[in-house]
Amino acid sequence: MTLLSAATLSAPAARPLFVPPPVVLSKLHLSPPAPRTRAPCSWIPPAHCRPSCSPRSAGTRALRLIMATVIGVVGCTGTGKSTLCDALEKQLKERERVVCVIHTDDYFREEEGCPTLDLESLNWAGGTVPDALSSKTRDTNCPEAVEWDGVRAAVSQAAATAGQGVVLVEGFLVLCDGPVREMLDAVVMLEFKGGRDAEEEVIRRKWTRRHLGKLSYEERGVSFADYCVYWDGYVHLRFTEYAAKGTPPPGKPVVSLDALLPPPELAVQVQQRLSL
């Protein structure tokens, strides 16, 4: 047996470390790909995935969805709420703003679901209830007459789909419903700025105005004296009982306007004072 000395033994050659081949760019002068970055998320979750609480009542919470500005337009019957909304919608759309108008009059319950109303007890100028009013036996000027679930759903949907537009919610009972009130970003109040004289002008406007496809009270044979009884003993009385007691959402701007000014002028004031 041949013995090899330690001197004749040699350690095996070290295996070279793997070195990846260099990146060879083609003749098209391609550059290495840029590092990937995460794009900001612009997805807005659908309504059924959002928190059940209104983001408008969340105050300074970190999570706040991009939604439209919701403005409540309130005031006694005949002060021109719908007319003001029409003027605002026209002017805002001329500036390419998205506008949605929600009329709470569209959400009245069927009369059978409203409280009963007794007009016989009023001191009518003609001695009895005018024929045009004799069929009115249900009270539609109280919060119980409005289908508030429908109003809330309409406001939520409009606010979520109008982007950075404007949602106008008009009706003299708007401030009577807590959930709707919490969704408001601002309130516009149409008021009588000239005392009883200004109020009588609004009464006459209401007396001569056609509404919801119906003839005016004047056209239906109700005298102005009897309509004043109807106004003082029922219409304005309900406003003071319910709507006038509605409290605007705390911390939100309230714009008080003279109901007798021209609607286009009022619309300009609203845009200026609310920075729309």
Protein backbone atom coordinates (compact mmCIF):
# COMPACT_ATOMS: atom_id res chain seq x y z
CA MET A 1 0.00 0.00 0.00
CA THR A 2 1.37 3.32 -0.98
CA LEU A 3 1.20 5.86 1.76
CA LEU A 4 0.85 9.50 0.81
CA SER A 5 2.37 11.93 3.12
CA ALA A 6 0.47 14.90 4.38
CA ALA A 7 2.70 17.06 2.20
CA THR A 8 1.47 15.37 -0.95
CA LEU A 9 -2.22 15.82 0.01
CA SER A 10 -3.85 19.02 -1.08
CA ALA A 11 -7.23 20.49 -0.15
CA PRO A 12 -9.83 20.35 -2.86
CA ALA A 13 -10.09 23.48 -4.91
CA ALA A 14 -12.60 25.98 -3.53
CA ARG A 15 -15.80 26.13 -5.52
CA PRO A 16 -16.31 29.60 -6.93
CA LEU A 17 -19.27 31.56 -5.63
CA PHE A 18 -22.17 31.92 -8.03
CA VAL A 19 -22.14 35.26 -9.69
CA PRO A 20 -25.26 36.09 -11.70
CA PRO A 21 -24.62 37.18 -15.22
CA PRO A 22 -24.75 40.89 -15.78
CA VAL A 23 -27.97 42.38 -17.05
CA VAL A 24 -27.48 43.02 -20.71
CA LEU A 25 -29.78 45.61 -22.17
CA SER A 26 -30.83 45.18 -25.72
CA LYS A 27 -30.06 47.55 -28.51
CA LEU A 28 -33.42 49.15 -27.85
CA HIS A 29 -31.75 50.93 -24.93
CA LEU A 30 -34.26 49.64 -22.43
CA SER A 31 -33.75 50.83 -18.90
CA PRO A 32 -34.29 48.72 -15.81
CA PRO A 33 -37.89 48.80 -14.56
CA ALA A 34 -38.67 51.56 -12.09
CA PRO A 35 -39.48 50.51 -8.56
CA ARG A 36 -43.21 49.83 -8.06
CA THR A 37 -45.12 52.32 -6.01
CA ARG A 38 -48.61 51.98 -4.49
CA ALA A 39 -51.14 54.24 -6.12
CA PRO A 40 -53.48 56.11 -3.80
CA CYS A 41 -56.83 54.40 -3.36
CA SER A 42 -59.72 56.29 -4.89
CA TRP A 43 -62.37 53.63 -4.38
CA ILE A 44 -65.46 54.68 -2.50
CA PRO A 45 -67.30 51.76 -0.91
CA PRO A 46 -70.92 51.19 -1.89
CA ALA A 47 -73.64 52.33 0.45
CA HIS A 48 -74.20 48.93 2.04
CA CYS A 49 -70.51 48.74 3.04
CA ARG A 50 -70.39 52.13 4.77
CA PRO A 51 -70.67 52.71 8.49
CA SER A 52 -74.27 52.85 9.70
CA CYS A 53 -73.63 56.23 11.31
CA SER A 54 -73.68 59.28 9.11
CA PRO A 55 -70.18 60.50 8.21
CA ARG A 56 -71.53 64.03 8.66
CA SER A 57 -72.07 63.42 12.35
CA ALA A 58 -68.63 61.91 12.79
CA GLY A 59 -67.06 65.28 13.57
CA THR A 60 -63.29 65.01 13.40
CA ARG A 61 -63.13 61.26 12.88
CA ALA A 62 -60.29 60.14 10.68
CA LEU A 63 -62.61 58.38 8.24
CA ARG A 64 -64.70 60.83 6.22
CA LEU A 65 -65.96 59.95 2.79
CA ILE A 66 -65.99 62.49 -0.01
CA MET A 67 -69.63 63.49 -0.19
CA ALA A 68 -71.73 66.40 -1.40
CA THR A 69 -72.65 69.45 0.66
CA VAL A 70 -76.16 68.93 2.05
CA ILE A 71 -78.17 72.10 2.70
CA GLY A 72 -81.56 72.24 4.40
CA VAL A 73 -83.90 74.93 3.06
CA VAL A 74 -86.61 75.67 5.62
CA GLY A 75 -89.29 78.25 6.31
CA CYS A 76 -93.03 78.60 6.72
CA THR A 77 -95.38 77.56 3.93
CA GLY A 78 -95.37 80.11 1.11
CA THR A 79 -91.95 81.63 1.82
CA GLY A 80 -90.54 80.40 -1.50
CA LYS A 81 -88.43 77.40 -0.54
CA SER A 82 -89.01 75.53 -3.80
CA THR A 83 -88.52 78.69 -5.85
CA LEU A 84 -85.22 79.40 -4.10
CA CYS A 85 -84.07 75.83 -4.77
CA ASP A 86 -84.93 76.26 -8.45
CA ALA A 87 -82.86 79.46 -8.62
CA LEU A 88 -79.94 77.85 -6.77
CA GLU A 89 -80.03 74.79 -9.01
CA LYS A 90 -79.99 76.96 -12.13
CA GLN A 91 -77.09 79.14 -10.97
CA LEU A 92 -74.99 76.25 -9.67
CA LYS A 93 -75.47 74.21 -12.83
CA GLU A 94 -74.33 77.20 -14.86
CA ARG A 95 -71.07 76.81 -12.93
CA GLU A 96 -71.03 73.09 -13.80
CA ARG A 97 -71.86 71.98 -10.27
CA VAL A 98 -73.82 68.80 -9.65
CA VAL A 99 -77.10 69.65 -7.90
CA CYS A 100 -79.81 67.40 -6.47
CA VAL A 101 -83.05 68.80 -5.00
CA ILE A 102 -85.15 66.74 -2.58
CA HIS A 103 -88.66 68.02 -1.81
CA THR A 104 -90.12 66.59 1.38
CA ASP A 105 -93.58 67.28 -0.10
CA ASP A 106 -92.89 64.25 -2.30
CA TYR A 107 -92.77 62.04 0.81
CA PHE A 108 -96.12 62.79 2.41
CA ARG A 109 -98.01 59.75 3.59
CA GLU A 110 -101.42 58.89 2.21
CA GLU A 111 -103.97 61.02 4.04
CA GLU A 112 -105.39 57.94 5.76
CA GLY A 113 -102.10 57.65 7.64
CA CYS A 114 -102.10 61.26 8.87
CA PRO A 115 -103.64 62.61 12.09
CA THR A 116 -107.22 63.89 11.91
CA LEU A 117 -107.88 67.61 11.50
CA ASP A 118 -110.85 69.63 12.75
CA LEU A 119 -111.38 72.87 10.81
CA GLU A 120 -114.94 73.34 12.06
CA SER A 121 -113.67 74.93 15.26
CA LEU A 122 -112.07 77.88 13.47
CA ASN A 123 -113.84 81.24 13.38
CA TRP A 124 -114.46 81.46 9.64
CA ALA A 125 -115.23 84.84 8.11
CA GLY A 126 -118.02 83.27 6.06
CA GLY A 127 -119.47 81.43 9.04
CA THR A 128 -118.58 77.91 7.86
CA VAL A 129 -115.64 76.01 6.41
CA PRO A 130 -115.23 77.00 2.73
CA ASP A 131 -116.22 74.25 0.31
CA ALA A 132 -112.67 74.03 -1.06
CA LEU A 133 -111.40 73.19 2.44
CA SER A 134 -114.28 71.08 3.73
CA SER A 135 -112.73 67.84 2.44
CA LYS A 136 -109.49 68.45 4.35
CA THR A 137 -109.95 66.20 7.36
CA ARG A 138 -106.34 65.04 7.78
CA ASP A 139 -103.40 67.02 9.13
CA THR A 140 -100.56 67.02 6.59
CA ASN A 141 -98.60 69.81 8.28
CA CYS A 142 -97.08 67.77 11.09
CA PRO A 143 -94.02 65.48 11.31
CA GLU A 144 -96.22 62.37 11.48
CA ALA A 145 -97.44 63.10 7.94
CA VAL A 146 -93.99 62.61 6.38
CA GLU A 147 -92.44 59.27 5.44
CA TRP A 148 -89.05 60.08 6.97
CA ASP A 149 -87.43 56.78 6.06
CA GLY A 150 -87.84 57.72 2.42
CA VAL A 151 -86.41 61.19 2.97
CA ARG A 152 -83.39 59.82 4.82
CA ALA A 153 -82.68 57.27 2.11
CA ALA A 154 -82.99 59.91 -0.61
CA VAL A 155 -80.62 62.31 1.16
CA SER A 156 -78.05 59.57 1.85
CA GLN A 157 -78.09 58.34 -1.72
CA ALA A 158 -77.87 61.83 -3.20
CA ALA A 159 -75.03 62.83 -0.87
CA ALA A 160 -73.07 59.70 -1.74
CA THR A 161 -73.47 59.96 -5.50
CA ALA A 162 -73.27 63.70 -6.17
CA GLY A 163 -69.50 63.83 -5.67
CA GLN A 164 -68.55 67.30 -4.50
CA GLY A 165 -71.87 68.73 -5.63
CA VAL A 166 -74.76 70.20 -3.64
CA VAL A 167 -77.86 68.48 -2.26
CA LEU A 168 -80.80 70.75 -1.36
CA VAL A 169 -83.38 69.34 1.05
CA GLU A 170 -86.40 71.62 1.21
CA GLY A 171 -89.49 71.55 3.38
CA PHE A 172 -90.81 73.37 6.41
CA LEU A 173 -90.50 70.23 8.57
CA VAL A 174 -86.91 69.33 7.61
CA LEU A 175 -85.50 70.23 11.03
CA CYS A 176 -88.08 68.08 12.82
CA ASP A 177 -86.36 64.79 12.01
CA GLY A 178 -83.17 64.06 13.94
CA PRO A 179 -81.42 61.77 11.41
CA VAL A 180 -82.12 64.16 8.52
CA ARG A 181 -80.99 67.10 10.64
CA GLU A 182 -77.67 65.35 11.39
CA MET A 183 -76.98 64.92 7.67
CA LEU A 184 -77.16 68.67 7.02
CA ASP A 185 -73.97 70.68 6.51
CA ALA A 186 -75.82 74.02 6.58
CA VAL A 187 -79.32 75.47 6.92
CA VAL A 188 -80.99 78.25 4.93
CA MET A 189 -83.99 79.81 6.70
CA LEU A 190 -86.53 81.94 4.82
CA GLU A 191 -88.21 84.33 7.25
CA PHE A 192 -90.59 87.29 7.40
CA LYS A 193 -88.29 90.25 7.89
CA GLY A 194 -91.02 92.89 7.88
CA GLY A 195 -93.41 91.74 10.60
CA ARG A 196 -97.11 91.17 9.94
CA ASP A 197 -97.08 93.27 6.75
CA ALA A 198 -94.47 90.98 5.23
CA GLU A 199 -96.36 87.94 6.49
CA GLU A 200 -99.58 89.14 4.84
CA GLU A 201 -97.74 89.45 1.55
CA VAL A 202 -96.66 85.82 1.91
CA ILE A 203 -100.25 84.85 2.82
CA ARG A 204 -101.52 86.50 -0.35
CA ARG A 205 -98.82 84.77 -2.36
CA LYS A 206 -99.92 81.41 -0.97
CA TRP A 207 -103.60 82.22 -1.54
CA THR A 208 -103.06 82.96 -5.24
CA ARG A 209 -100.49 80.23 -5.98
CA ARG A 210 -101.16 76.92 -7.68
CA HIS A 211 -99.38 74.04 -5.99
CA LEU A 212 -98.84 70.35 -6.73
CA GLY A 213 -101.05 70.56 -9.81
CA LYS A 214 -104.00 72.05 -7.91
CA LEU A 215 -105.80 75.34 -8.54
CA SER A 216 -105.06 78.17 -6.14
CA TYR A 217 -107.29 78.73 -3.13
CA GLU A 218 -108.49 81.93 -4.76
CA GLU A 219 -109.48 80.02 -7.91
CA ARG A 220 -111.30 77.46 -5.76
CA GLY A 221 -113.53 80.12 -4.23
CA VAL A 222 -111.85 80.71 -0.87
CA SER A 223 -112.01 84.39 0.09
CA PHE A 224 -108.86 86.12 1.27
CA ALA A 225 -110.48 86.70 4.67
CA ASP A 226 -111.23 82.99 5.05
CA TYR A 227 -107.75 82.05 3.89
CA CYS A 228 -106.28 84.32 6.59
CA VAL A 229 -108.34 82.35 9.13
CA TYR A 230 -107.01 79.11 7.66
CA TRP A 231 -103.46 80.48 7.75
CA ASP A 232 -103.53 81.77 11.32
CA GLY A 233 -105.57 78.91 12.77
CA TYR A 234 -103.83 76.03 11.02
CA VAL A 235 -100.97 76.62 8.54
CA HIS A 236 -98.85 79.09 10.51
CA LEU A 237 -99.95 77.53 13.80
CA ARG A 238 -98.43 74.20 12.75
CA PHE A 239 -95.25 75.97 11.73
CA THR A 240 -94.85 77.53 15.17
CA GLU A 241 -95.79 74.25 16.89
CA TYR A 242 -93.36 72.04 14.99
CA ALA A 243 -91.05 73.54 12.40
CA ALA A 244 -90.09 76.72 14.25
CA LYS A 245 -88.97 74.57 17.19
CA GLY A 246 -86.65 72.49 15.04
CA THR A 247 -83.05 73.10 16.03
CA PRO A 248 -80.37 73.46 13.33
CA PRO A 249 -77.48 70.99 13.68
CA PRO A 250 -75.00 72.33 16.26
CA GLY A 251 -71.89 73.96 14.88
CA LYS A 252 -73.25 74.18 11.33
CA PRO A 253 -73.78 77.53 9.55
CA VAL A 254 -77.29 78.99 9.43
CA VAL A 255 -78.18 81.57 6.78
CA SER A 256 -81.28 83.69 7.50
CA LEU A 257 -82.84 85.34 4.45
CA ASP A 258 -85.71 87.74 3.75
CA ALA A 259 -88.40 85.67 2.04
CA LEU A 260 -89.65 88.67 0.05
CA LEU A 261 -86.42 89.27 -1.87
CA PRO A 262 -86.21 88.01 -5.47
CA PRO A 263 -85.18 84.33 -5.59
CA PRO A 264 -82.16 84.91 -7.91
CA GLU A 265 -80.81 87.46 -5.43
CA LEU A 266 -81.36 85.05 -2.54
CA ALA A 267 -79.56 82.30 -4.47
CA VAL A 268 -76.52 84.55 -4.88
CA GLN A 269 -76.53 85.31 -1.14
CA VAL A 270 -76.62 81.60 -0.30
CA GLN A 271 -73.63 80.86 -2.53
CA GLN A 272 -71.63 83.75 -1.12
CA ARG A 273 -72.37 83.09 2.54
CA LEU A 274 -71.79 79.33 2.29
CA SER A 275 -68.85 79.59 -0.13
CA LEU A 276 -70.46 77.24 -2.63
